[in-house]
Amino acid sequence: MDIGESLVGSYFKYVEGCKIVVYNCHLEEEQGEIDVIALDPRGEKVYLCEVATHLRGLVYGNGTQDTLARVEHKIWRAFRFATHNFPGRQCIFMLWSPVVSRRLAGGFSQLASFFARQGLPVEFVINKEYTARIKRLREVARENIKITDEPAFRLLQILEHLR
């Protein structure tokens, strides 16, 4: 598990209250994996998350079009997995990335609209929204001193309690 994935999983555990968070779920029917899967506390929603912690900006392949195509493929793959494994639950695909160019963010907005028309909820937690959610996680870490098995959350606890 990478530290970015641990941040996202910690967000679901400590901010959203999810009791079940799974990392790096390998897909049996297709090549690849889903970085983080979280089940909401009521068991009604499943969050399927791609985590891309590229600090110089999210890019797959040779630029914006390659990145959009790859993300679209990941979304379809995640929804096929969800349909098979979580029937009857609302499944939400999320891409978490701290640094995304304006051009790519615009492409993500179009992708989200396209999938919404298909009845498939997609959220892009990028840039300011990513920052806001991690700030909320930091606030929770400041209030919580219990030991955890989440490396990113434990690091935030330590940093928030330095004197």
N, C-alpha and C. Protein backbone atom coordinates (compact mmCIF):
# COMPACT_ATOMS: atom_id res chain seq x y z
N MET A 1 0.86 -1.17 0.00
CA MET A 1 0.00 0.00 0.00
C MET A 1 0.90 1.23 0.00
N ASP A 2 0.53 2.20 -0.82
CA ASP A 2 1.31 3.43 -0.86
C ASP A 2 0.70 4.43 0.11
N ILE A 3 1.46 5.46 0.45
CA ILE A 3 1.02 6.41 1.48
C ILE A 3 -0.22 7.18 1.03
N GLY A 4 -0.33 7.47 -0.26
CA GLY A 4 -1.53 8.15 -0.77
C GLY A 4 -2.77 7.28 -0.58
N GLU A 5 -2.63 5.99 -0.82
CA GLU A 5 -3.75 5.07 -0.60
C GLU A 5 -4.12 5.01 0.88
N SER A 6 -3.11 5.03 1.74
CA SER A 6 -3.37 5.03 3.18
C SER A 6 -4.09 6.31 3.60
N LEU A 7 -3.76 7.45 3.01
CA LEU A 7 -4.48 8.69 3.31
C LEU A 7 -5.96 8.56 2.94
N VAL A 8 -6.22 8.04 1.75
CA VAL A 8 -7.60 7.91 1.28
C VAL A 8 -8.36 6.90 2.16
N GLY A 9 -7.75 5.77 2.44
CA GLY A 9 -8.40 4.78 3.31
C GLY A 9 -8.65 5.34 4.69
N SER A 10 -7.69 6.11 5.21
CA SER A 10 -7.86 6.74 6.52
C SER A 10 -9.01 7.73 6.50
N TYR A 11 -9.15 8.48 5.41
CA TYR A 11 -10.26 9.41 5.28
C TYR A 11 -11.59 8.65 5.43
N PHE A 12 -11.71 7.54 4.73
CA PHE A 12 -12.96 6.78 4.82
C PHE A 12 -13.18 6.22 6.22
N LYS A 13 -12.13 5.72 6.86
CA LYS A 13 -12.27 5.16 8.21
C LYS A 13 -12.59 6.22 9.25
N TYR A 14 -11.81 7.28 9.27
CA TYR A 14 -11.87 8.22 10.38
C TYR A 14 -12.75 9.43 10.14
N VAL A 15 -13.03 9.78 8.91
CA VAL A 15 -13.92 10.91 8.63
C VAL A 15 -15.31 10.41 8.27
N GLU A 16 -15.38 9.44 7.37
CA GLU A 16 -16.68 8.92 6.92
C GLU A 16 -17.23 7.81 7.81
N GLY A 17 -16.40 7.25 8.68
CA GLY A 17 -16.86 6.21 9.60
C GLY A 17 -17.00 4.83 8.99
N CYS A 18 -16.35 4.58 7.87
CA CYS A 18 -16.42 3.26 7.24
C CYS A 18 -15.66 2.24 8.07
N LYS A 19 -16.27 1.11 8.34
CA LYS A 19 -15.62 0.05 9.12
C LYS A 19 -14.84 -0.91 8.23
N ILE A 20 -15.23 -0.99 6.96
CA ILE A 20 -14.57 -1.90 6.03
C ILE A 20 -13.88 -1.08 4.95
N VAL A 21 -12.55 -1.17 4.92
CA VAL A 21 -11.73 -0.52 3.91
C VAL A 21 -10.71 -1.56 3.44
N VAL A 22 -10.66 -1.77 2.13
CA VAL A 22 -9.77 -2.78 1.55
C VAL A 22 -8.82 -2.07 0.59
N TYR A 23 -7.57 -2.50 0.59
CA TYR A 23 -6.56 -1.90 -0.27
C TYR A 23 -6.12 -2.86 -1.37
N ASN A 24 -5.83 -2.31 -2.53
CA ASN A 24 -5.24 -3.04 -3.65
C ASN A 24 -5.98 -4.33 -3.96
N CYS A 25 -7.25 -4.20 -4.24
CA CYS A 25 -8.09 -5.35 -4.56
C CYS A 25 -7.84 -5.75 -6.02
N HIS A 26 -7.20 -6.88 -6.21
CA HIS A 26 -6.89 -7.36 -7.55
C HIS A 26 -8.16 -7.88 -8.22
N LEU A 27 -8.30 -7.54 -9.47
CA LEU A 27 -9.48 -7.94 -10.23
C LEU A 27 -9.24 -9.31 -10.84
N GLU A 28 -10.15 -10.22 -10.61
CA GLU A 28 -10.00 -11.59 -11.10
C GLU A 28 -10.26 -11.69 -12.60
N GLU A 29 -11.25 -10.98 -13.07
CA GLU A 29 -11.69 -11.12 -14.45
C GLU A 29 -10.86 -10.28 -15.42
N GLU A 30 -10.20 -9.25 -14.90
CA GLU A 30 -9.45 -8.32 -15.74
C GLU A 30 -8.11 -8.03 -15.08
N GLN A 31 -7.20 -7.51 -15.87
CA GLN A 31 -5.92 -7.11 -15.33
C GLN A 31 -6.10 -5.80 -14.56
N GLY A 32 -5.40 -5.67 -13.45
CA GLY A 32 -5.43 -4.43 -12.69
C GLY A 32 -5.95 -4.63 -11.28
N GLU A 33 -6.11 -3.50 -10.61
CA GLU A 33 -6.59 -3.51 -9.24
C GLU A 33 -7.34 -2.22 -8.96
N ILE A 34 -8.09 -2.24 -7.88
CA ILE A 34 -8.73 -1.03 -7.37
C ILE A 34 -7.97 -0.67 -6.10
N ASP A 35 -7.49 0.56 -6.03
CA ASP A 35 -6.59 0.96 -4.94
C ASP A 35 -7.25 0.90 -3.57
N VAL A 36 -8.44 1.47 -3.45
CA VAL A 36 -9.14 1.50 -2.16
C VAL A 36 -10.62 1.23 -2.42
N ILE A 37 -11.18 0.31 -1.63
CA ILE A 37 -12.62 0.06 -1.65
C ILE A 37 -13.11 0.26 -0.22
N ALA A 38 -14.16 1.08 -0.07
CA ALA A 38 -14.70 1.33 1.27
C ALA A 38 -16.22 1.14 1.24
N LEU A 39 -16.73 0.53 2.29
CA LEU A 39 -18.17 0.31 2.44
C LEU A 39 -18.67 1.29 3.49
N ASP A 40 -19.69 2.09 3.15
CA ASP A 40 -20.18 3.09 4.09
C ASP A 40 -20.77 2.41 5.33
N PRO A 41 -20.89 3.15 6.43
CA PRO A 41 -21.33 2.53 7.70
C PRO A 41 -22.67 1.81 7.63
N ARG A 42 -23.58 2.25 6.77
CA ARG A 42 -24.89 1.58 6.66
C ARG A 42 -24.86 0.42 5.67
N GLY A 43 -23.76 0.24 4.97
CA GLY A 43 -23.64 -0.86 4.02
C GLY A 43 -24.38 -0.63 2.72
N GLU A 44 -24.76 0.61 2.45
CA GLU A 44 -25.53 0.92 1.24
C GLU A 44 -24.67 1.38 0.08
N LYS A 45 -23.55 2.03 0.39
CA LYS A 45 -22.69 2.59 -0.66
C LYS A 45 -21.32 1.93 -0.62
N VAL A 46 -20.78 1.73 -1.82
CA VAL A 46 -19.43 1.21 -1.95
C VAL A 46 -18.63 2.24 -2.74
N TYR A 47 -17.51 2.65 -2.17
CA TYR A 47 -16.63 3.61 -2.84
C TYR A 47 -15.47 2.85 -3.46
N LEU A 48 -15.28 3.02 -4.75
CA LEU A 48 -14.21 2.35 -5.50
C LEU A 48 -13.23 3.44 -5.93
N CYS A 49 -12.05 3.44 -5.34
CA CYS A 49 -11.15 4.59 -5.49
C CYS A 49 -9.85 4.26 -6.22
N GLU A 50 -9.56 5.09 -7.19
CA GLU A 50 -8.25 5.14 -7.82
C GLU A 50 -7.51 6.27 -7.11
N VAL A 51 -6.28 6.00 -6.69
CA VAL A 51 -5.49 7.01 -5.98
C VAL A 51 -4.23 7.26 -6.81
N ALA A 52 -4.06 8.51 -7.23
CA ALA A 52 -2.92 8.89 -8.06
C ALA A 52 -2.20 10.06 -7.40
N THR A 53 -1.17 9.75 -6.64
CA THR A 53 -0.46 10.77 -5.89
C THR A 53 0.76 11.22 -6.70
N HIS A 54 0.50 11.91 -7.79
CA HIS A 54 1.56 12.42 -8.67
C HIS A 54 1.76 13.89 -8.32
N LEU A 55 2.83 14.21 -7.63
CA LEU A 55 3.01 15.57 -7.11
C LEU A 55 3.38 16.60 -8.18
N ARG A 56 3.79 16.15 -9.33
CA ARG A 56 4.06 17.08 -10.43
C ARG A 56 2.89 17.19 -11.39
N GLY A 57 1.80 16.58 -11.04
CA GLY A 57 0.61 16.62 -11.88
C GLY A 57 0.28 15.25 -12.43
N LEU A 58 -0.99 14.91 -12.39
CA LEU A 58 -1.44 13.60 -12.85
C LEU A 58 -1.31 13.50 -14.36
N VAL A 59 -0.55 12.52 -14.81
CA VAL A 59 -0.41 12.24 -16.24
C VAL A 59 -0.18 10.74 -16.40
N TYR A 60 -0.98 10.14 -17.28
CA TYR A 60 -0.73 8.77 -17.71
C TYR A 60 -0.40 8.84 -19.19
N GLY A 61 0.61 8.14 -19.64
CA GLY A 61 0.93 8.12 -21.06
C GLY A 61 1.51 9.43 -21.54
N ASN A 62 1.00 9.89 -22.68
CA ASN A 62 1.56 11.07 -23.34
C ASN A 62 0.74 12.33 -23.18
N GLY A 63 0.01 12.49 -22.11
CA GLY A 63 -0.69 13.74 -21.89
C GLY A 63 -2.16 13.58 -21.57
N THR A 64 -2.89 14.66 -21.77
CA THR A 64 -4.29 14.75 -21.34
C THR A 64 -5.17 13.66 -21.95
N GLN A 65 -5.10 13.47 -23.27
CA GLN A 65 -5.99 12.49 -23.91
C GLN A 65 -5.69 11.07 -23.44
N ASP A 66 -4.41 10.72 -23.31
CA ASP A 66 -4.05 9.39 -22.79
C ASP A 66 -4.54 9.21 -21.36
N THR A 67 -4.41 10.27 -20.56
CA THR A 67 -4.83 10.21 -19.16
C THR A 67 -6.34 10.02 -19.08
N LEU A 68 -7.09 10.80 -19.86
CA LEU A 68 -8.55 10.66 -19.85
C LEU A 68 -8.98 9.27 -20.30
N ALA A 69 -8.34 8.74 -21.32
CA ALA A 69 -8.69 7.41 -21.81
C ALA A 69 -8.40 6.35 -20.75
N ARG A 70 -7.28 6.48 -20.09
CA ARG A 70 -6.92 5.49 -19.06
C ARG A 70 -7.87 5.57 -17.87
N VAL A 71 -8.22 6.79 -17.46
CA VAL A 71 -9.15 6.94 -16.34
C VAL A 71 -10.53 6.41 -16.72
N GLU A 72 -10.98 6.68 -17.94
CA GLU A 72 -12.27 6.15 -18.38
C GLU A 72 -12.26 4.62 -18.34
N HIS A 73 -11.16 4.03 -18.79
CA HIS A 73 -11.04 2.57 -18.74
C HIS A 73 -11.11 2.07 -17.29
N LYS A 74 -10.44 2.75 -16.38
CA LYS A 74 -10.46 2.36 -14.97
C LYS A 74 -11.88 2.45 -14.40
N ILE A 75 -12.60 3.49 -14.81
CA ILE A 75 -13.98 3.65 -14.32
C ILE A 75 -14.85 2.49 -14.79
N TRP A 76 -14.81 2.17 -16.08
CA TRP A 76 -15.61 1.06 -16.60
C TRP A 76 -15.24 -0.24 -15.90
N ARG A 77 -13.94 -0.47 -15.75
CA ARG A 77 -13.47 -1.69 -15.10
C ARG A 77 -13.98 -1.77 -13.66
N ALA A 78 -13.94 -0.66 -12.94
CA ALA A 78 -14.42 -0.63 -11.55
C ALA A 78 -15.92 -0.92 -11.47
N PHE A 79 -16.69 -0.34 -12.39
CA PHE A 79 -18.13 -0.58 -12.36
C PHE A 79 -18.48 -2.02 -12.74
N ARG A 80 -17.73 -2.62 -13.65
CA ARG A 80 -17.96 -4.05 -13.96
C ARG A 80 -17.68 -4.89 -12.72
N PHE A 81 -16.60 -4.60 -12.03
CA PHE A 81 -16.25 -5.30 -10.79
C PHE A 81 -17.36 -5.11 -9.75
N ALA A 82 -17.83 -3.87 -9.60
CA ALA A 82 -18.85 -3.56 -8.60
C ALA A 82 -20.16 -4.26 -8.90
N THR A 83 -20.56 -4.28 -10.16
CA THR A 83 -21.81 -4.93 -10.56
C THR A 83 -21.77 -6.41 -10.18
N HIS A 84 -20.64 -7.03 -10.37
CA HIS A 84 -20.49 -8.45 -10.07
C HIS A 84 -20.40 -8.72 -8.57
N ASN A 85 -19.72 -7.85 -7.83
CA ASN A 85 -19.42 -8.12 -6.42
C ASN A 85 -20.30 -7.40 -5.41
N PHE A 86 -21.00 -6.35 -5.82
CA PHE A 86 -21.81 -5.59 -4.87
C PHE A 86 -23.21 -5.32 -5.41
N PRO A 87 -23.91 -6.36 -5.82
CA PRO A 87 -25.26 -6.13 -6.36
C PRO A 87 -26.16 -5.52 -5.28
N GLY A 88 -27.01 -4.60 -5.70
CA GLY A 88 -27.95 -3.99 -4.77
C GLY A 88 -27.39 -2.83 -3.98
N ARG A 89 -26.13 -2.52 -4.15
CA ARG A 89 -25.53 -1.38 -3.45
C ARG A 89 -25.20 -0.28 -4.45
N GLN A 90 -25.28 0.96 -3.99
CA GLN A 90 -24.87 2.08 -4.83
C GLN A 90 -23.35 2.11 -4.86
N CYS A 91 -22.78 2.06 -6.03
CA CYS A 91 -21.32 2.07 -6.18
C CYS A 91 -20.89 3.40 -6.77
N ILE A 92 -19.90 4.00 -6.14
CA ILE A 92 -19.40 5.31 -6.55
C ILE A 92 -17.92 5.19 -6.86
N PHE A 93 -17.55 5.54 -8.08
CA PHE A 93 -16.14 5.56 -8.44
C PHE A 93 -15.57 6.92 -8.07
N MET A 94 -14.36 6.91 -7.48
CA MET A 94 -13.69 8.16 -7.12
C MET A 94 -12.25 8.10 -7.58
N LEU A 95 -11.77 9.21 -8.11
CA LEU A 95 -10.35 9.35 -8.38
C LEU A 95 -9.84 10.44 -7.46
N TRP A 96 -8.83 10.10 -6.66
CA TRP A 96 -8.22 11.03 -5.72
C TRP A 96 -6.84 11.40 -6.24
N SER A 97 -6.60 12.70 -6.44
CA SER A 97 -5.30 13.15 -6.89
C SER A 97 -5.08 14.59 -6.44
N PRO A 98 -3.94 14.88 -5.79
CA PRO A 98 -3.73 16.23 -5.24
C PRO A 98 -3.37 17.30 -6.26
N VAL A 99 -2.83 16.91 -7.42
CA VAL A 99 -2.36 17.89 -8.39
C VAL A 99 -2.84 17.49 -9.78
N VAL A 100 -3.80 18.26 -10.30
CA VAL A 100 -4.38 17.99 -11.62
C VAL A 100 -4.46 19.32 -12.37
N SER A 101 -4.00 19.32 -13.61
CA SER A 101 -4.03 20.54 -14.42
C SER A 101 -5.47 20.98 -14.69
N ARG A 102 -5.64 22.26 -15.01
CA ARG A 102 -6.99 22.77 -15.34
C ARG A 102 -7.58 22.04 -16.54
N ARG A 103 -6.75 21.80 -17.53
CA ARG A 103 -7.23 21.13 -18.74
C ARG A 103 -7.73 19.72 -18.42
N LEU A 104 -6.96 18.99 -17.63
CA LEU A 104 -7.37 17.63 -17.26
C LEU A 104 -8.59 17.67 -16.35
N ALA A 105 -8.64 18.63 -15.44
CA ALA A 105 -9.81 18.78 -14.56
C ALA A 105 -11.06 19.02 -15.40
N GLY A 106 -10.95 19.81 -16.45
CA GLY A 106 -12.09 20.02 -17.35
C GLY A 106 -12.52 18.73 -18.03
N GLY A 107 -11.54 17.93 -18.44
CA GLY A 107 -11.85 16.63 -19.03
C GLY A 107 -12.51 15.71 -18.04
N PHE A 108 -12.08 15.76 -16.78
CA PHE A 108 -12.70 14.95 -15.73
C PHE A 108 -14.15 15.37 -15.52
N SER A 109 -14.41 16.65 -15.57
CA SER A 109 -15.77 17.15 -15.42
C SER A 109 -16.67 16.59 -16.52
N GLN A 110 -16.16 16.56 -17.73
CA GLN A 110 -16.92 15.98 -18.85
C GLN A 110 -17.13 14.48 -18.66
N LEU A 111 -16.10 13.79 -18.18
CA LEU A 111 -16.24 12.35 -17.90
C LEU A 111 -17.31 12.10 -16.84
N ALA A 112 -17.29 12.90 -15.77
CA ALA A 112 -18.28 12.74 -14.70
C ALA A 112 -19.69 12.94 -15.25
N SER A 113 -19.87 13.93 -16.11
CA SER A 113 -21.19 14.18 -16.72
C SER A 113 -21.61 13.02 -17.60
N PHE A 114 -20.68 12.50 -18.39
CA PHE A 114 -20.97 11.36 -19.26
C PHE A 114 -21.43 10.16 -18.42
N PHE A 115 -20.70 9.84 -17.36
CA PHE A 115 -21.07 8.68 -16.54
C PHE A 115 -22.37 8.94 -15.77
N ALA A 116 -22.61 10.18 -15.36
CA ALA A 116 -23.87 10.50 -14.68
C ALA A 116 -25.06 10.22 -15.60
N ARG A 117 -24.90 10.52 -16.88
CA ARG A 117 -25.99 10.23 -17.84
C ARG A 117 -26.22 8.72 -17.97
N GLN A 118 -25.20 7.93 -17.66
CA GLN A 118 -25.33 6.47 -17.68
C GLN A 118 -25.87 5.93 -16.36
N GLY A 119 -26.08 6.83 -15.39
CA GLY A 119 -26.54 6.43 -14.07
C GLY A 119 -25.42 5.91 -13.19
N LEU A 120 -24.18 6.27 -13.51
CA LEU A 120 -23.01 5.79 -12.77
C LEU A 120 -22.32 6.98 -12.11
N PRO A 121 -22.40 7.07 -10.78
CA PRO A 121 -21.80 8.22 -10.10
C PRO A 121 -20.27 8.14 -10.07
N VAL A 122 -19.66 9.24 -10.50
CA VAL A 122 -18.20 9.36 -10.53
C VAL A 122 -17.83 10.69 -9.87
N GLU A 123 -16.87 10.64 -8.96
CA GLU A 123 -16.40 11.86 -8.29
C GLU A 123 -14.90 11.99 -8.48
N PHE A 124 -14.48 13.19 -8.78
CA PHE A 124 -13.05 13.48 -8.89
C PHE A 124 -12.66 14.35 -7.70
N VAL A 125 -11.92 13.75 -6.79
CA VAL A 125 -11.45 14.44 -5.59
C VAL A 125 -10.05 14.92 -5.92
N ILE A 126 -10.00 16.13 -6.46
CA ILE A 126 -8.74 16.65 -6.98
C ILE A 126 -8.50 18.07 -6.46
N ASN A 127 -7.23 18.46 -6.48
CA ASN A 127 -6.83 19.83 -6.17
C ASN A 127 -7.43 20.32 -4.85
N LYS A 128 -8.23 21.37 -4.88
CA LYS A 128 -8.76 21.97 -3.65
C LYS A 128 -9.65 21.02 -2.86
N GLU A 129 -10.42 20.20 -3.57
CA GLU A 129 -11.29 19.24 -2.87
C GLU A 129 -10.45 18.18 -2.16
N TYR A 130 -9.39 17.72 -2.80
CA TYR A 130 -8.46 16.78 -2.17
C TYR A 130 -7.88 17.42 -0.92
N THR A 131 -7.40 18.65 -1.06
CA THR A 131 -6.81 19.36 0.07
C THR A 131 -7.80 19.51 1.21
N ALA A 132 -9.04 19.88 0.91
CA ALA A 132 -10.05 20.06 1.95
C ALA A 132 -10.32 18.76 2.71
N ARG A 133 -10.37 17.65 1.98
CA ARG A 133 -10.64 16.37 2.66
C ARG A 133 -9.46 15.93 3.51
N ILE A 134 -8.25 16.17 3.04
CA ILE A 134 -7.08 15.80 3.85
C ILE A 134 -6.97 16.73 5.06
N LYS A 135 -7.33 17.99 4.92
CA LYS A 135 -7.37 18.89 6.08
C LYS A 135 -8.35 18.38 7.12
N ARG A 136 -9.50 17.90 6.67
CA ARG A 136 -10.49 17.33 7.61
C ARG A 136 -9.90 16.11 8.31
N LEU A 137 -9.16 15.29 7.57
CA LEU A 137 -8.51 14.12 8.17
C LEU A 137 -7.49 14.57 9.21
N ARG A 138 -6.75 15.63 8.93
CA ARG A 138 -5.78 16.17 9.89
C ARG A 138 -6.48 16.64 11.16
N GLU A 139 -7.64 17.27 11.01
CA GLU A 139 -8.40 17.71 12.19
C GLU A 139 -8.79 16.52 13.06
N VAL A 140 -9.23 15.45 12.42
CA VAL A 140 -9.60 14.24 13.16
C VAL A 140 -8.36 13.66 13.84
N ALA A 141 -7.22 13.66 13.15
CA ALA A 141 -5.98 13.14 13.72
C ALA A 141 -5.56 13.96 14.94
N ARG A 142 -5.82 15.26 14.91
CA ARG A 142 -5.48 16.14 16.04
C ARG A 142 -6.30 15.76 17.27
N GLU A 143 -7.54 15.30 17.05
CA GLU A 143 -8.45 14.96 18.15
C GLU A 143 -8.30 13.52 18.63
N ASN A 144 -7.61 12.70 17.88
CA ASN A 144 -7.57 11.26 18.13
C ASN A 144 -6.14 10.83 18.46
N ILE A 145 -5.96 10.21 19.65
CA ILE A 145 -4.61 9.76 20.02
C ILE A 145 -4.50 8.23 20.11
N LYS A 146 -5.55 7.54 19.72
CA LYS A 146 -5.51 6.07 19.77
C LYS A 146 -4.59 5.54 18.68
N ILE A 147 -3.87 4.48 19.00
CA ILE A 147 -2.98 3.84 18.03
C ILE A 147 -3.84 3.27 16.89
N THR A 148 -3.30 3.32 15.71
CA THR A 148 -4.01 2.86 14.52
C THR A 148 -3.09 2.02 13.66
N ASP A 149 -3.67 1.20 12.80
CA ASP A 149 -2.88 0.42 11.86
C ASP A 149 -2.75 1.12 10.51
N GLU A 150 -3.25 2.35 10.42
CA GLU A 150 -3.17 3.14 9.20
C GLU A 150 -1.91 4.01 9.24
N PRO A 151 -0.90 3.70 8.42
CA PRO A 151 0.36 4.46 8.49
C PRO A 151 0.19 5.95 8.25
N ALA A 152 -0.61 6.35 7.29
CA ALA A 152 -0.76 7.79 7.01
C ALA A 152 -1.47 8.49 8.16
N PHE A 153 -2.49 7.86 8.71
CA PHE A 153 -3.22 8.49 9.82
C PHE A 153 -2.31 8.59 11.05
N ARG A 154 -1.51 7.56 11.30
CA ARG A 154 -0.60 7.61 12.45
C ARG A 154 0.41 8.75 12.28
N LEU A 155 0.92 8.91 11.06
CA LEU A 155 1.85 10.02 10.81
C LEU A 155 1.17 11.36 11.05
N LEU A 156 -0.07 11.52 10.59
CA LEU A 156 -0.79 12.76 10.84
C LEU A 156 -1.00 12.99 12.33
N GLN A 157 -1.30 11.93 13.07
CA GLN A 157 -1.45 12.07 14.52
C GLN A 157 -0.16 12.60 15.14
N ILE A 158 0.95 12.03 14.77
CA ILE A 158 2.23 12.45 15.31
C ILE A 158 2.49 13.91 14.95
N LEU A 159 2.33 14.26 13.69
CA LEU A 159 2.60 15.63 13.26
C LEU A 159 1.68 16.63 13.94
N GLU A 160 0.43 16.27 14.15
CA GLU A 160 -0.53 17.17 14.79
C GLU A 160 -0.30 17.30 16.29
N HIS A 161 0.47 16.40 16.88
CA HIS A 161 0.71 16.46 18.33
C HIS A 161 2.13 16.86 18.69
N LEU A 162 2.89 17.32 17.72
CA LEU A 162 4.25 17.78 18.03
C LEU A 162 4.18 19.02 18.92
N ARG A 163 5.15 19.13 19.82
CA ARG A 163 5.22 20.30 20.71
C ARG A 163 6.40 21.14 20.39
